[in-house]
Amino acid sequence: MRFRAVVSEVSTFVQIVQSISKLSKKCILKFSADKMHLICHDETEGGVQVWSQVNQDLIFSSYRIESNQANEIHISILIQPLLTVLKSALALEGKGEVVVKLAKRPVGQPTALTGSEPGAPAVMKPMLVWEIGGDSRLNRPPPLSHELHIKVLKTPEVEQLKEPLCPEPDIHIVLPPLSSLRTVTDHLSRLSSHVSVSANNLGELKLEAGRDERNGVEVRTSWKGLNVPKVNSDSQSTQDRSQPPPGHFFNTLVSIKSLLRFLNAHCIQGSTIACICENHSLIIYLYIGDMVQNGGVLTFFIPAVILDEDD
């Protein structure tokens, strides 16, 4: 198993990792021949999952990977140490190459407490090694080296990675600037623990809070003139379903904390599309760069909240 690459776009890598940093303590990085996937599917706040993919040439150059699993490598890594190293690389951008590679390093020294014989070799553990700066050809000092502990996933663990199954979305809509959404959602969080997200085919989007509370206060904010992408569906159930009037609102209720964690963490400037699956989930596609060229996309799955009639 071998992996080595030069990180040519450190700032993009930083933005991607920052965008999931408040949702989970760890993530899975999947490297393949042409893409890098970033997955947060376990122990996330509010059940939010992230399944993203980025073309490797959007971030890396001199990219080499080899493995006996169809040239794919899955590693589990803590997000904050990864973000710390990337920010260190960003601070030194332009002062040499940033190289990342998979390696094994000795961890710990054998002692009587570990039950190892004196003089026995140290345990070799997989690491994601970063070499930042330095270039002997330019007479620069040796690079800074960072070693991050990782876990390489085995085949049975990889097979358990399943993207959430969702019904065909009822509507797709391009969101307004996320900074605007964040400000509104932050105000709504003072009224309720849930927010209703609604949209129709006329390009109208509504956020409502307070309907599920007993304080008698209900606040609604709306946007008009948003783009509604036309998505062709091959689903037979979608084709058979009668279409409501264009002004009909599709909605789903989600945790306001979950939505805010996404809005507070996003750092990528790009188009964002929301998909509403009524009473099931809110799916948000955050595109990296040009949406048409589709160099990469972060997909956030926010589960719906189903309230009891007594709530």
Protein backbone atom coordinates (compact mmCIF):
# COMPACT_ATOMS: atom_id res chain seq x y z
CA MET A 1 0.00 0.00 0.00
CA ARG A 2 1.50 3.32 -1.10
CA PHE A 3 0.27 6.88 -1.22
CA ARG A 4 2.17 10.09 -1.89
CA ALA A 5 1.04 13.43 -3.26
CA VAL A 6 1.97 17.09 -3.37
CA VAL A 7 -0.76 19.35 -1.98
CA SER A 8 -0.85 22.13 -4.57
CA GLU A 9 -4.03 23.83 -3.30
CA VAL A 10 -3.64 23.98 0.46
CA SER A 11 -6.28 26.69 0.92
CA THR A 12 -8.95 24.56 -0.79
CA PHE A 13 -8.05 21.58 1.39
CA VAL A 14 -8.31 23.79 4.50
CA GLN A 15 -11.75 25.05 3.47
CA ILE A 16 -13.05 21.53 2.88
CA VAL A 17 -11.88 20.28 6.28
CA GLN A 18 -13.15 23.41 8.06
CA SER A 19 -16.57 22.84 6.52
CA ILE A 20 -16.97 19.58 8.44
CA SER A 21 -14.94 20.45 11.54
CA LYS A 22 -17.96 21.32 13.71
CA LEU A 23 -19.96 18.25 12.75
CA SER A 24 -17.69 15.46 13.91
CA LYS A 25 -14.44 14.70 15.76
CA LYS A 26 -13.16 12.35 13.08
CA CYS A 27 -13.68 11.57 9.44
CA ILE A 28 -12.77 9.01 6.83
CA LEU A 29 -10.55 10.00 3.93
CA LYS A 30 -10.87 7.76 0.91
CA PHE A 31 -8.18 8.13 -1.74
CA SER A 32 -8.72 6.61 -5.18
CA ALA A 33 -6.99 6.99 -8.51
CA ASP A 34 -8.92 10.12 -9.48
CA LYS A 35 -10.79 11.38 -6.40
CA MET A 36 -10.56 12.11 -2.71
CA HIS A 37 -13.66 11.38 -0.66
CA LEU A 38 -14.32 12.83 2.78
CA ILE A 39 -16.93 11.04 4.89
CA CYS A 40 -18.48 11.82 8.27
CA HIS A 41 -21.05 9.13 9.01
CA ASP A 42 -20.62 8.16 12.64
CA GLU A 43 -20.82 10.03 15.94
CA THR A 44 -21.86 13.24 14.20
CA GLU A 45 -23.82 16.01 15.88
CA GLY A 46 -27.57 15.73 15.30
CA GLY A 47 -27.22 12.77 12.96
CA VAL A 48 -25.86 14.95 10.14
CA GLN A 49 -23.79 12.98 7.66
CA VAL A 50 -21.29 14.26 5.10
CA TRP A 51 -20.38 12.40 1.93
CA SER A 52 -18.12 14.40 -0.34
CA GLN A 53 -15.93 13.84 -3.34
CA VAL A 54 -13.29 16.04 -4.93
CA ASN A 55 -11.31 15.49 -8.10
CA GLN A 56 -7.78 14.80 -6.91
CA ASP A 57 -6.26 17.26 -9.40
CA LEU A 58 -8.25 20.05 -7.72
CA ILE A 59 -6.03 19.70 -4.63
CA PHE A 60 -3.04 17.51 -5.48
CA SER A 61 -0.25 17.17 -8.02
CA SER A 62 2.33 14.37 -8.42
CA TYR A 63 -0.38 12.06 -7.11
CA ARG A 64 0.51 8.36 -6.72
CA ILE A 65 -1.53 5.61 -5.11
CA GLU A 66 -1.24 1.83 -4.98
CA SER A 67 -3.23 -0.72 -3.01
CA ASN A 68 -4.62 -4.21 -3.37
CA GLN A 69 -8.15 -2.83 -2.94
CA ALA A 70 -8.60 -1.54 -6.50
CA ASN A 71 -6.10 1.25 -5.78
CA GLU A 72 -8.29 2.66 -3.03
CA ILE A 73 -7.19 3.52 0.51
CA HIS A 74 -9.58 4.36 3.37
CA ILE A 75 -8.21 5.95 6.54
CA SER A 76 -9.90 7.22 9.70
CA ILE A 77 -8.37 10.40 11.10
CA LEU A 78 -9.11 13.01 13.77
CA ILE A 79 -10.27 16.25 12.18
CA GLN A 80 -8.72 18.85 14.49
CA PRO A 81 -5.11 17.58 14.21
CA LEU A 82 -5.57 17.38 10.44
CA LEU A 83 -6.86 20.95 10.35
CA THR A 84 -3.95 22.14 12.53
CA VAL A 85 -1.40 20.67 10.12
CA LEU A 86 -3.18 22.13 7.10
CA LYS A 87 -3.24 25.60 8.67
CA SER A 88 0.47 25.26 9.39
CA ALA A 89 1.02 24.42 5.72
CA LEU A 90 -1.14 27.37 4.67
CA ALA A 91 0.98 29.75 6.79
CA LEU A 92 4.07 28.56 4.91
CA GLU A 93 2.46 28.49 1.47
CA GLY A 94 4.90 29.53 -1.23
CA LYS A 95 7.94 28.50 0.80
CA GLY A 96 8.29 25.02 -0.62
CA GLU A 97 6.26 21.93 -1.41
CA VAL A 98 3.68 20.39 0.87
CA VAL A 99 4.00 16.61 0.61
CA VAL A 100 1.62 14.12 2.20
CA LYS A 101 2.29 10.41 2.28
CA LEU A 102 1.34 7.18 3.98
CA ALA A 103 4.05 5.64 6.15
CA LYS A 104 4.68 3.49 9.19
CA ARG A 105 6.45 4.78 12.25
CA PRO A 106 7.53 3.13 15.51
CA VAL A 107 5.20 3.97 18.39
CA GLY A 108 6.19 3.50 22.03
CA GLN A 109 9.11 1.63 23.51
CA PRO A 110 8.80 -1.95 24.74
CA THR A 111 8.90 -2.21 28.55
CA ALA A 112 8.12 -4.75 31.22
CA LEU A 113 4.71 -3.08 31.61
CA THR A 114 3.82 -3.85 28.00
CA GLY A 115 4.88 -7.45 28.38
CA SER A 116 7.54 -7.07 25.70
CA GLU A 117 11.04 -8.40 25.89
CA PRO A 118 13.74 -5.73 26.44
CA GLY A 119 15.23 -4.87 23.11
CA ALA A 120 12.14 -6.02 21.17
CA PRO A 121 11.23 -3.81 18.22
CA ALA A 122 8.76 -0.99 18.75
CA VAL A 123 5.27 -1.43 17.32
CA MET A 124 4.92 0.02 13.82
CA LYS A 125 1.78 2.08 13.31
CA PRO A 126 0.39 3.72 10.17
CA MET A 127 0.77 7.49 9.96
CA LEU A 128 -0.18 10.23 7.56
CA VAL A 129 3.10 12.10 7.26
CA TRP A 130 3.27 15.75 6.17
CA GLU A 131 6.45 17.45 4.99
CA ILE A 132 5.98 21.19 4.74
CA GLY A 133 8.43 23.55 3.05
CA GLY A 134 12.05 22.90 2.21
CA ASP A 135 13.57 22.19 -1.17
CA SER A 136 17.17 21.05 -1.49
CA ARG A 137 17.30 22.28 -5.08
CA LEU A 138 16.69 25.83 -3.85
CA ASN A 139 19.03 25.54 -0.81
CA ARG A 140 16.09 25.81 1.58
CA PRO A 141 16.17 24.33 5.09
CA PRO A 142 14.76 20.83 5.67
CA PRO A 143 10.95 20.62 5.69
CA LEU A 144 8.84 20.63 8.83
CA SER A 145 7.47 17.16 9.46
CA HIS A 146 4.14 16.28 11.07
CA GLU A 147 2.93 12.76 11.74
CA LEU A 148 -0.79 12.14 12.27
CA HIS A 149 -2.06 8.91 13.75
CA ILE A 150 -4.54 7.15 11.49
CA LYS A 151 -6.41 3.90 11.22
CA VAL A 152 -6.37 2.10 7.88
CA LEU A 153 -9.78 0.54 7.34
CA LYS A 154 -9.96 -3.12 6.49
CA THR A 155 -12.20 -4.56 3.80
CA PRO A 156 -15.11 -5.50 6.15
CA GLU A 157 -15.09 -1.96 7.58
CA VAL A 158 -15.07 -0.42 4.09
CA GLU A 159 -18.02 -2.59 3.09
CA GLN A 160 -20.04 -1.15 5.97
CA LEU A 161 -19.72 2.38 4.62
CA LYS A 162 -23.11 3.09 3.09
CA GLU A 163 -24.35 6.47 1.90
CA PRO A 164 -27.81 7.27 3.34
CA LEU A 165 -30.73 5.98 1.29
CA CYS A 166 -33.12 8.82 0.57
CA PRO A 167 -36.31 9.03 -1.45
CA GLU A 168 -36.39 11.03 -4.65
CA PRO A 169 -36.27 14.73 -3.61
CA ASP A 170 -39.53 16.62 -3.98
CA ILE A 171 -37.73 19.78 -5.04
CA HIS A 172 -34.26 21.21 -5.72
CA ILE A 173 -33.58 24.90 -5.14
CA VAL A 174 -30.43 27.06 -5.27
CA LEU A 175 -29.98 28.63 -1.85
CA PRO A 176 -29.41 32.33 -1.22
CA PRO A 177 -26.01 33.37 0.21
CA LEU A 178 -25.27 31.11 3.16
CA SER A 179 -24.19 34.09 5.27
CA SER A 180 -27.75 35.43 4.94
CA LEU A 181 -29.22 32.06 5.85
CA ARG A 182 -26.92 31.81 8.85
CA THR A 183 -28.02 35.21 10.22
CA VAL A 184 -31.71 34.33 9.87
CA THR A 185 -31.31 30.85 11.34
CA ASP A 186 -29.37 32.21 14.29
CA HIS A 187 -32.27 34.54 15.12
CA LEU A 188 -34.79 31.72 14.74
CA SER A 189 -32.81 29.54 17.14
CA ARG A 190 -33.90 31.83 19.99
CA LEU A 191 -37.52 30.85 19.37
CA SER A 192 -37.41 27.15 18.70
CA SER A 193 -35.25 24.04 18.58
CA HIS A 194 -36.59 23.19 15.12
CA VAL A 195 -36.94 25.02 11.83
CA SER A 196 -39.23 24.24 8.92
CA VAL A 197 -37.55 24.55 5.52
CA SER A 198 -40.00 24.96 2.60
CA ALA A 199 -39.62 25.65 -1.11
CA ASN A 200 -41.74 25.64 -4.25
CA ASN A 201 -41.20 25.55 -8.00
CA LEU A 202 -41.70 29.31 -8.27
CA GLY A 203 -38.31 29.83 -6.65
CA GLU A 204 -39.61 30.71 -3.19
CA LEU A 205 -37.88 29.54 -0.02
CA LYS A 206 -39.22 29.86 3.53
CA LEU A 207 -37.72 29.29 6.96
CA GLU A 208 -40.24 29.12 9.79
CA ALA A 209 -39.81 28.63 13.53
CA GLY A 210 -42.17 28.61 16.48
CA ARG A 211 -44.94 26.51 15.00
CA ASP A 212 -44.05 23.56 17.21
CA GLU A 213 -43.73 25.61 20.39
CA ARG A 214 -46.41 26.73 22.85
CA ASN A 215 -45.26 30.31 23.29
CA GLY A 216 -47.59 31.55 20.55
CA VAL A 217 -44.74 33.16 18.59
CA GLU A 218 -44.17 32.20 14.97
CA VAL A 219 -41.58 33.82 12.72
CA ARG A 220 -41.23 33.31 9.00
CA THR A 221 -38.55 34.56 6.60
CA SER A 222 -38.79 34.09 2.86
CA TRP A 223 -36.78 34.57 -0.32
CA LYS A 224 -38.12 34.86 -3.85
CA GLY A 225 -36.66 34.58 -7.33
CA LEU A 226 -34.33 31.70 -6.54
CA ASN A 227 -33.29 29.30 -9.27
CA VAL A 228 -35.04 25.92 -9.39
CA PRO A 229 -32.85 23.45 -11.30
CA LYS A 230 -34.65 21.01 -13.55
CA VAL A 231 -33.55 17.52 -12.62
CA ASN A 232 -34.43 14.57 -14.83
CA SER A 233 -35.52 11.57 -12.81
CA ASP A 234 -35.62 8.00 -13.99
CA SER A 235 -37.56 6.93 -10.92
CA GLN A 236 -40.84 5.27 -11.86
CA SER A 237 -42.50 6.49 -8.66
CA THR A 238 -41.61 10.08 -9.54
CA GLN A 239 -42.93 9.72 -13.08
CA ASP A 240 -46.20 8.22 -11.82
CA ARG A 241 -46.72 10.88 -9.15
CA SER A 242 -49.09 13.71 -10.05
CA GLN A 243 -47.41 17.09 -9.97
CA PRO A 244 -48.88 19.74 -7.63
CA PRO A 245 -49.24 23.40 -8.72
CA PRO A 246 -45.94 25.34 -9.02
CA GLY A 247 -46.82 27.36 -5.92
CA HIS A 248 -47.16 24.29 -3.71
CA PHE A 249 -44.59 24.28 -0.90
CA PHE A 250 -42.66 21.14 -0.03
CA ASN A 251 -41.26 21.21 3.47
CA THR A 252 -39.34 19.30 6.09
CA LEU A 253 -38.65 20.00 9.74
CA VAL A 254 -35.04 19.76 10.93
CA SER A 255 -33.05 20.46 14.07
CA ILE A 256 -32.04 24.10 14.10
CA LYS A 257 -28.75 23.17 15.81
CA SER A 258 -27.93 20.75 13.00
CA LEU A 259 -28.62 23.37 10.35
CA LEU A 260 -26.58 25.97 12.24
CA ARG A 261 -23.61 23.63 12.57
CA PHE A 262 -23.49 23.36 8.80
CA LEU A 263 -24.01 27.11 8.26
CA ASN A 264 -21.40 28.08 10.88
CA ALA A 265 -18.77 25.72 9.50
CA HIS A 266 -19.01 26.31 5.76
CA CYS A 267 -15.99 28.09 4.32
CA ILE A 268 -16.30 27.32 0.62
CA GLN A 269 -17.45 29.91 -1.85
CA GLY A 270 -19.61 28.15 -4.39
CA SER A 271 -23.16 27.35 -5.45
CA THR A 272 -25.32 25.55 -2.91
CA ILE A 273 -28.38 23.49 -3.78
CA ALA A 274 -30.89 22.24 -1.23
CA CYS A 275 -33.06 19.19 -1.85
CA ILE A 276 -36.15 18.65 0.24
CA CYS A 277 -37.39 15.12 0.85
CA GLU A 278 -40.65 15.77 2.69
CA ASN A 279 -40.69 14.38 6.23
CA HIS A 280 -37.43 12.56 5.59
CA SER A 281 -34.40 14.82 5.17
CA LEU A 282 -32.83 18.00 3.91
CA ILE A 283 -29.91 17.35 1.55
CA ILE A 284 -27.48 20.19 0.83
CA TYR A 285 -24.98 20.09 -2.03
CA LEU A 286 -22.10 22.53 -1.58
CA TYR A 287 -20.13 22.78 -4.82
CA ILE A 288 -16.41 23.49 -4.82
CA GLY A 289 -15.65 25.96 -7.58
CA ASP A 290 -17.74 26.02 -10.75
CA MET A 291 -20.90 23.92 -10.48
CA VAL A 292 -20.90 23.09 -14.20
CA GLN A 293 -17.32 21.81 -14.19
CA ASN A 294 -18.10 19.93 -10.95
CA GLY A 295 -14.58 19.71 -9.57
CA GLY A 296 -16.04 18.57 -6.28
CA VAL A 297 -19.11 18.63 -4.06
CA LEU A 298 -19.77 18.27 -0.33
CA THR A 299 -23.09 16.57 0.38
CA PHE A 300 -24.71 17.13 3.79
CA PHE A 301 -27.58 14.89 4.89
CA ILE A 302 -29.68 16.47 7.67
CA PRO A 303 -32.40 14.10 8.96
CA ALA A 304 -35.96 15.32 9.45
CA VAL A 305 -37.45 15.72 12.91
CA ILE A 306 -40.79 13.97 13.33
CA LEU A 307 -42.74 15.45 16.23
CA ASP A 308 -45.38 13.58 18.16
CA GLU A 309 -48.85 15.05 18.07
CA ASP A 310 -48.50 15.99 21.73
CA ASP A 311 -45.32 18.06 21.01
